[in-house]
Protein backbone atom coordinates (compact mmCIF):
# COMPACT_ATOMS: atom_id res chain seq x y z
CA MET A 1 108.97 134.80 94.37
CA ASP A 2 111.98 135.28 96.42
CA PRO A 3 112.53 133.13 99.78
CA ARG A 4 112.55 136.46 101.85
CA LEU A 5 109.20 137.79 100.09
CA ARG A 6 107.49 134.13 100.20
CA LYS A 7 108.30 134.06 104.19
CA VAL A 8 106.45 137.64 104.51
CA TYR A 9 103.31 136.25 102.27
CA SER A 10 103.02 133.49 104.28
CA LYS A 11 102.95 135.46 107.61
CA CYS A 12 100.41 137.92 105.95
CA ILE A 13 97.70 135.30 104.34
CA THR A 14 94.49 134.67 105.81
CA GLU A 15 92.48 131.45 104.97
CA ILE A 16 89.04 132.19 104.20
CA ALA A 17 87.50 128.67 103.38
CA ARG A 18 88.79 125.23 102.82
CA GLY A 19 87.25 122.38 100.92
CA THR A 20 87.22 120.51 97.60
CA LEU A 21 87.88 122.81 94.51
CA PRO A 22 84.48 122.56 93.28
CA ASP A 23 83.14 123.82 97.02
CA LEU A 24 85.51 126.79 96.61
CA VAL A 25 84.66 127.82 93.09
CA ASN A 26 81.15 126.71 91.92
CA ASP A 27 78.66 129.70 91.90
CA LEU A 28 81.40 132.17 93.10
CA TYR A 29 83.54 132.19 90.00
CA ASP A 30 83.12 132.12 86.24
CA TYR A 31 86.81 131.40 85.35
CA LEU A 32 89.28 129.29 87.04
CA MET A 33 92.99 129.86 85.84
CA ILE A 34 95.06 126.82 86.78
CA ASP A 35 99.06 127.19 86.96
CA LEU A 36 99.59 123.88 85.40
CA ALA A 37 102.97 123.07 86.12
CA SER A 38 102.39 124.29 89.76
CA ILE A 39 99.34 121.89 90.44
CA THR A 40 100.82 118.93 88.61
CA TYR A 41 104.08 119.28 90.07
CA GLY A 42 105.17 116.15 92.04
CA LEU A 43 102.09 114.08 90.69
CA LYS A 44 102.90 110.65 89.54
CA ASP A 45 100.50 110.75 86.72
CA PRO A 46 100.07 114.41 85.75
CA ARG A 47 97.73 113.27 82.93
CA ALA A 48 95.32 111.51 85.14
CA PHE A 49 94.82 114.74 86.96
CA LEU A 50 93.95 116.36 83.79
CA VAL A 51 91.65 113.59 82.92
CA ASN A 52 89.72 114.03 85.76
CA VAL A 53 89.30 117.59 85.51
CA ARG A 54 87.93 116.85 82.18
CA LEU A 55 85.41 114.24 83.71
CA ALA A 56 84.54 117.03 86.55
CA ILE A 57 83.46 119.63 83.92
CA ASP A 58 81.66 117.14 81.55
CA TYR A 59 79.47 115.99 84.58
CA GLY A 60 79.04 119.63 85.83
CA TYR A 61 80.94 118.94 89.01
CA LEU A 62 83.44 121.83 88.24
CA LYS A 63 81.43 124.70 86.83
CA PRO A 64 83.81 127.60 85.97
CA SER A 65 85.26 127.74 82.70
CA VAL A 66 88.76 126.11 83.45
CA VAL A 67 91.84 127.54 81.76
CA PHE A 68 95.39 126.02 82.16
CA VAL A 69 98.33 128.24 82.16
CA VAL A 70 101.57 126.54 80.62
CA ASP A 71 104.78 127.77 81.53
CA TYR A 72 106.65 128.30 78.26
CA SER A 73 109.03 131.01 79.47
CA LYS A 74 112.31 128.97 79.23
CA PRO A 75 113.58 126.53 77.27
CA GLU A 76 113.95 123.84 80.16
CA HIS A 77 110.12 124.52 80.51
CA ARG A 78 109.21 123.96 76.95
CA ALA A 79 110.24 120.19 76.80
CA VAL A 80 107.87 119.52 79.43
CA ALA A 81 105.12 121.84 78.12
CA GLU A 82 104.90 120.13 74.80
CA SER A 83 103.87 116.69 76.22
CA ARG A 84 101.45 118.99 78.34
CA VAL A 85 99.91 120.80 75.50
CA LYS A 86 99.43 117.65 73.72
CA TRP A 87 97.48 115.89 76.64
CA LEU A 88 95.61 119.38 76.82
CA ARG A 89 94.55 119.37 73.18
CA ASP A 90 93.55 115.58 73.38
CA LEU A 91 91.20 116.23 76.36
CA SER A 92 89.93 119.61 74.80
CA LEU A 93 90.84 121.60 78.07
CA ASP A 94 91.40 125.31 77.31
CA PHE A 95 94.97 126.67 77.90
CA ILE A 96 97.23 129.59 77.28
CA PHE A 97 101.01 129.90 77.35
CA ALA A 98 103.05 132.06 79.58
CA LYS A 99 105.74 133.07 77.48
CA ASP A 100 107.43 136.16 78.77
CA GLU A 101 106.72 135.66 82.65
CA PRO A 102 105.97 132.75 85.13
CA ALA A 103 102.78 131.00 84.37
CA GLU A 104 101.27 131.90 87.98
CA ILE A 105 101.77 135.72 87.21
CA LYS A 106 100.23 135.26 83.81
CA ALA A 107 97.43 133.47 85.24
CA ALA A 108 96.82 136.14 87.89
CA LYS A 109 97.09 139.00 85.05
CA GLU A 110 94.62 137.31 82.87
CA CYS A 111 92.20 137.03 85.97
CA LEU A 112 91.95 140.59 86.01
CA ASN A 113 90.70 140.74 82.55
CA LYS A 114 87.85 138.22 83.31
CA PRO A 115 84.72 138.75 85.53
CA ARG A 116 84.76 136.40 88.85
CA CYS A 117 87.59 134.77 87.95
CA ILE A 118 90.55 133.35 90.64
CA VAL A 119 93.96 131.58 90.20
CA LEU A 120 94.60 128.07 91.54
CA SER A 121 98.37 127.66 92.09
CA ARG A 122 100.72 126.52 94.87
CA ASP A 123 102.98 129.68 94.86
CA TYR A 124 101.96 132.97 96.53
CA ASP A 125 102.71 135.16 93.36
CA PRO A 126 99.44 135.76 92.07
CA LEU A 127 98.73 137.76 95.45
CA ILE A 128 101.38 140.08 94.15
CA ILE A 129 98.58 140.86 91.36
CA MET A 130 95.50 139.80 92.83
CA SER A 131 93.91 139.85 96.61
CA GLU A 132 92.71 136.34 96.55
CA MET A 133 93.66 132.66 94.96
CA ILE A 134 93.23 129.24 95.98
CA GLN A 135 96.09 127.33 97.02
CA PRO A 136 96.23 123.45 97.25
CA ILE A 137 96.95 121.68 100.48
CA LYS A 138 96.65 118.16 99.33
CA ILE A 139 96.39 117.41 95.58
CA THR A 140 96.23 113.87 94.02
CA GLU A 141 95.33 112.77 90.61
CA ARG A 142 91.43 112.12 91.91
CA ALA A 143 90.91 114.45 94.55
CA TRP A 144 92.48 117.98 95.74
CA ILE A 145 91.71 119.79 98.88
CA ASN A 146 92.41 123.72 98.67
CA ARG A 147 91.95 126.81 100.89
CA ARG A 148 91.08 130.07 99.58
CA ILE A 149 93.33 132.73 100.90
CA THR A 150 93.37 136.16 100.89
CA ILE A 151 96.54 138.56 101.53
CA ASN A 152 96.76 141.54 103.96
CA ARG A 153 98.82 144.09 102.34
CA GLU A 154 99.24 146.21 105.27
CA CYS A 155 101.11 143.21 106.90
CA VAL A 156 103.18 142.72 103.89
CA ASN A 157 104.02 146.52 103.86
CA LYS A 158 104.63 146.15 107.59
CA TYR A 159 107.32 143.10 107.27
CA LEU A 160 108.59 144.66 104.39
CA ASN A 161 109.49 148.15 106.17
CA GLU A 162 110.80 146.36 109.09
CA ASP A 163 113.24 143.93 107.09
CA LYS A 164 114.28 147.91 105.48
CA THR A 165 114.91 149.43 109.10
CA THR A 166 116.91 146.20 110.57
């Protein structure tokens, strides 16, 4: 998302709820699409994060079907993606590749084809396609605090139209 559009989106979101990921998704969603690169960016040990997701699923703490979306759209992403795919396979976690578009966009498009689905990403890009998403506030290998947000499309249009007239 270009910086101007990101600024507009940041003005036009509303936080619906805040809490741990299970608090925000269990019993509300059947599918959780996770933008892998976005969520694990900056973690000291991204594999530990994936292990904890696996444990949360195994122990029934995280109930929706979890699908990781792996960014595979550019050559520089592929080198990192290969190690992540190995980890996902080793942990028997579901994943799909985003080959022709950013992972957060692929995740949102996939969500549209699934019942009761939501995307977890740091980026606002899923809101271009969907009206609601989950965004992390704080992520560590063991726990993450998130917010469920929605976008006000009238607000976005207002700010974009203001930019055109000034």
